[in-house]
Amino acid sequence: MNKNLLESMLRYGIGLDPWFFEKNAETPNFPPHNIEQVNANHFVLTLAVAGYQPDEMQVSLESDMLTISGRKRLDEEDEKEQNKMLYRGIAFRDFSRQFKIGENVNVQDVTLKHGLLTVSLVREIPEALKPRQIPISN
C-alpha cells in the first residue's frame, strides 16, 4: 500500500474500516491535530487551537463528514488599546478541517481546554446490526 495513502487514511479517517479510506488530494495543515483510538468504538480527535474562543469555532456533523471551522475575531478597538504589535508569529487565521467518519460514529462531546479542542467520537452500533444468538429448536 502506498505510504502517502496510508498516512492520509490515518490522518483523516475516524472509525472507518480500511476499505472506506480515501486519499485527500490537498489536505490543510492548520490547525495541527491528533487522532487517537481509545478502543474499538471510541475515538478522540484533538486540534491545537490556542487563542480561539468557543464562540469563534463551529463543529458540525453532516452525513459522514465532520467539519471543524474557526474564524478569529480581532477587534480593531482592542488592537488600538493594546501595545503596538512588533511581530505576529502566532497564527490567527480562519480554518476549516474536514474528517470523514465511519458509519454509526457520532460526536459524544466537544471540549476546549488549554488551547486544545477535543472531539470525542463513539461508534454506536444499532441493535438491529449487532450479532444475536439464534436458538436451535428440536
Foldseek 3Di string as FASTA:
>chain_A
DDPQQVVQCQQFEALADVVPGDHDPDFDCPFPWHWDDPDNWKIKIKTQQPPFDPVQWDWDDDDQKIKIKGADDDDPVVCVPDDPDPDDPDDRHIDMHIHGYDPQKDFDDWDADPRMIMTMIGRDDDPVPDDDDDDDDD
